[in-house]
Structure formats: structure tokens, C-alpha cells
Amino acid sequence: MSIQQVSFQECNAQFSKIFERVLKNHEVISVSKEFEQEVVILEAKEYSSLMETLYLLIIR
């Protein structure tokens, strides 16, 4: 899984396109605003899958 990086300004200007990229291509997008301020956008199904995997790894 590769993470595509975009700036906050780019995300703000093209949010609809970025949203569609995440859903259509199953991309993970990292949005950075300032030094060490980042958020990640990923499809909800992917997030749920990651959380389920993490849960299963922790309870073992």
C-alpha cells in the first residue's frame, strides 16, 4: 500500500477529486498542513479492515 502525499492547499482545492480517487482506486492520501501536522484519508472499509486486523493481533 503506497501513500500519496498532497498539501492541505491542494486537498482543499480538489477535495472532491481526492475523495473520488480514494474510493475508486483504493488510494491512501496523506494531507500535510504544517510541519509534523498530517492526516490520512482512506476508504472506511479499508480502515475497518485495518482495525479488525489490529484487534485480532492484539488479543492473541
N, C-alpha and C. Protein backbone atom coordinates (compact mmCIF):
# COMPACT_ATOMS: atom_id res chain seq x y z
N MET A 1 0.86 -1.17 0.00
CA MET A 1 0.00 0.00 0.00
C MET A 1 0.90 1.24 0.00
N SER A 2 0.83 2.01 -1.06
CA SER A 2 1.60 3.24 -1.08
C SER A 2 0.71 4.41 -0.68
N ILE A 3 1.31 5.38 -0.06
CA ILE A 3 0.57 6.55 0.41
C ILE A 3 0.93 7.73 -0.47
N GLN A 4 -0.08 8.33 -1.08
CA GLN A 4 0.12 9.52 -1.89
C GLN A 4 0.07 10.74 -0.99
N GLN A 5 0.96 11.69 -1.20
CA GLN A 5 1.01 12.87 -0.35
C GLN A 5 0.53 14.09 -1.12
N VAL A 6 -0.31 14.89 -0.47
CA VAL A 6 -0.77 16.15 -1.03
C VAL A 6 -0.72 17.20 0.07
N SER A 7 -0.63 18.44 -0.34
CA SER A 7 -0.64 19.53 0.63
C SER A 7 -2.07 19.84 1.05
N PHE A 8 -2.21 20.51 2.16
CA PHE A 8 -3.53 20.94 2.63
C PHE A 8 -4.20 21.82 1.59
N GLN A 9 -3.43 22.72 0.98
CA GLN A 9 -3.98 23.62 -0.02
C GLN A 9 -4.52 22.85 -1.22
N GLU A 10 -3.77 21.85 -1.69
CA GLU A 10 -4.23 21.03 -2.82
C GLU A 10 -5.48 20.24 -2.44
N CYS A 11 -5.48 19.68 -1.24
CA CYS A 11 -6.64 18.92 -0.79
C CYS A 11 -7.86 19.82 -0.68
N ASN A 12 -7.67 21.01 -0.16
CA ASN A 12 -8.77 21.96 -0.01
C ASN A 12 -9.34 22.35 -1.37
N ALA A 13 -8.47 22.56 -2.36
CA ALA A 13 -8.91 22.99 -3.69
C ALA A 13 -9.51 21.85 -4.49
N GLN A 14 -9.07 20.60 -4.23
CA GLN A 14 -9.50 19.47 -5.05
C GLN A 14 -10.08 18.33 -4.22
N PHE A 15 -10.78 18.67 -3.14
CA PHE A 15 -11.26 17.62 -2.24
C PHE A 15 -12.14 16.60 -2.94
N SER A 16 -13.04 17.06 -3.78
CA SER A 16 -13.94 16.14 -4.48
C SER A 16 -13.17 15.13 -5.32
N LYS A 17 -12.16 15.59 -6.04
CA LYS A 17 -11.34 14.68 -6.85
C LYS A 17 -10.55 13.70 -5.99
N ILE A 18 -10.00 14.20 -4.90
CA ILE A 18 -9.24 13.34 -3.99
C ILE A 18 -10.16 12.30 -3.36
N PHE A 19 -11.35 12.72 -2.95
CA PHE A 19 -12.34 11.80 -2.38
C PHE A 19 -12.64 10.68 -3.37
N GLU A 20 -12.86 11.04 -4.64
CA GLU A 20 -13.15 10.03 -5.67
C GLU A 20 -11.96 9.11 -5.91
N ARG A 21 -10.74 9.64 -5.88
CA ARG A 21 -9.54 8.81 -6.03
C ARG A 21 -9.46 7.76 -4.94
N VAL A 22 -9.75 8.16 -3.72
CA VAL A 22 -9.70 7.23 -2.59
C VAL A 22 -10.71 6.11 -2.78
N LEU A 23 -11.92 6.47 -3.17
CA LEU A 23 -12.96 5.47 -3.35
C LEU A 23 -12.74 4.59 -4.58
N LYS A 24 -12.40 5.20 -5.70
CA LYS A 24 -12.28 4.47 -6.96
C LYS A 24 -11.02 3.61 -7.03
N ASN A 25 -9.89 4.17 -6.59
CA ASN A 25 -8.61 3.49 -6.75
C ASN A 25 -8.08 2.89 -5.46
N HIS A 26 -8.85 3.00 -4.38
CA HIS A 26 -8.44 2.49 -3.07
C HIS A 26 -7.10 3.09 -2.64
N GLU A 27 -6.92 4.38 -2.96
CA GLU A 27 -5.69 5.07 -2.58
C GLU A 27 -5.76 5.52 -1.13
N VAL A 28 -4.60 5.68 -0.55
CA VAL A 28 -4.47 6.28 0.77
C VAL A 28 -3.76 7.61 0.55
N ILE A 29 -4.36 8.68 1.04
CA ILE A 29 -3.84 10.03 0.81
C ILE A 29 -3.41 10.63 2.15
N SER A 30 -2.18 11.11 2.18
CA SER A 30 -1.67 11.83 3.35
C SER A 30 -1.73 13.32 3.05
N VAL A 31 -2.37 14.07 3.93
CA VAL A 31 -2.52 15.51 3.74
C VAL A 31 -1.71 16.21 4.82
N SER A 32 -0.78 17.06 4.37
CA SER A 32 0.05 17.78 5.33
C SER A 32 -0.27 19.27 5.28
N LYS A 33 -0.36 19.85 6.48
CA LYS A 33 -0.68 21.28 6.58
C LYS A 33 0.54 22.08 6.99
N GLU A 34 1.14 21.71 8.07
CA GLU A 34 2.33 22.37 8.56
C GLU A 34 3.31 21.30 9.02
N PHE A 35 4.47 21.72 9.41
CA PHE A 35 5.48 20.77 9.87
C PHE A 35 4.90 19.84 10.92
N GLU A 36 5.00 18.55 10.66
CA GLU A 36 4.52 17.49 11.55
C GLU A 36 3.01 17.52 11.80
N GLN A 37 2.24 18.13 10.91
CA GLN A 37 0.78 18.07 11.01
C GLN A 37 0.26 17.36 9.78
N GLU A 38 -0.15 16.11 9.96
CA GLU A 38 -0.65 15.30 8.85
C GLU A 38 -1.88 14.53 9.26
N VAL A 39 -2.75 14.32 8.29
CA VAL A 39 -3.88 13.41 8.47
C VAL A 39 -3.88 12.46 7.28
N VAL A 40 -4.57 11.34 7.43
CA VAL A 40 -4.64 10.35 6.36
C VAL A 40 -6.10 10.15 5.98
N ILE A 41 -6.34 10.11 4.68
CA ILE A 41 -7.68 9.83 4.17
C ILE A 41 -7.64 8.45 3.54
N LEU A 42 -8.51 7.57 4.01
CA LEU A 42 -8.62 6.24 3.41
C LEU A 42 -10.07 5.80 3.45
N GLU A 43 -10.39 4.86 2.60
CA GLU A 43 -11.75 4.35 2.50
C GLU A 43 -12.17 3.72 3.83
N ALA A 44 -13.40 3.94 4.23
CA ALA A 44 -13.90 3.44 5.50
C ALA A 44 -13.77 1.91 5.61
N LYS A 45 -13.99 1.20 4.51
CA LYS A 45 -13.86 -0.26 4.53
C LYS A 45 -12.41 -0.66 4.82
N GLU A 46 -11.47 0.07 4.24
CA GLU A 46 -10.05 -0.21 4.49
C GLU A 46 -9.71 0.05 5.96
N TYR A 47 -10.22 1.14 6.50
CA TYR A 47 -10.00 1.47 7.91
C TYR A 47 -10.56 0.36 8.80
N SER A 48 -11.77 -0.07 8.53
CA SER A 48 -12.39 -1.14 9.33
C SER A 48 -11.57 -2.42 9.26
N SER A 49 -11.09 -2.74 8.08
CA SER A 49 -10.27 -3.93 7.91
C SER A 49 -8.97 -3.83 8.72
N LEU A 50 -8.33 -2.68 8.67
CA LEU A 50 -7.11 -2.48 9.45
C LEU A 50 -7.37 -2.59 10.95
N MET A 51 -8.47 -2.01 11.41
CA MET A 51 -8.80 -2.06 12.84
C MET A 51 -9.12 -3.49 13.28
N GLU A 52 -9.80 -4.24 12.43
CA GLU A 52 -10.12 -5.63 12.76
C GLU A 52 -8.84 -6.46 12.84
N THR A 53 -7.93 -6.26 11.89
CA THR A 53 -6.66 -6.97 11.90
C THR A 53 -5.86 -6.62 13.15
N LEU A 54 -5.81 -5.34 13.48
CA LEU A 54 -5.10 -4.90 14.68
C LEU A 54 -5.70 -5.53 15.93
N TYR A 55 -7.01 -5.55 16.01
CA TYR A 55 -7.70 -6.15 17.15
C TYR A 55 -7.32 -7.64 17.28
N LEU A 56 -7.35 -8.35 16.16
CA LEU A 56 -7.02 -9.77 16.19
C LEU A 56 -5.56 -10.01 16.59
N LEU A 57 -4.68 -9.15 16.18
CA LEU A 57 -3.27 -9.29 16.56
C LEU A 57 -3.04 -9.01 18.03
N ILE A 58 -3.80 -8.07 18.58
CA ILE A 58 -3.62 -7.67 19.98
C ILE A 58 -4.16 -8.74 20.93
N ILE A 59 -5.29 -9.38 20.60
CA ILE A 59 -5.89 -10.32 21.55
C ILE A 59 -5.20 -11.69 21.53
N ARG A 60 -4.25 -11.90 20.66
CA ARG A 60 -3.55 -13.19 20.61
C ARG A 60 -2.45 -13.25 21.59
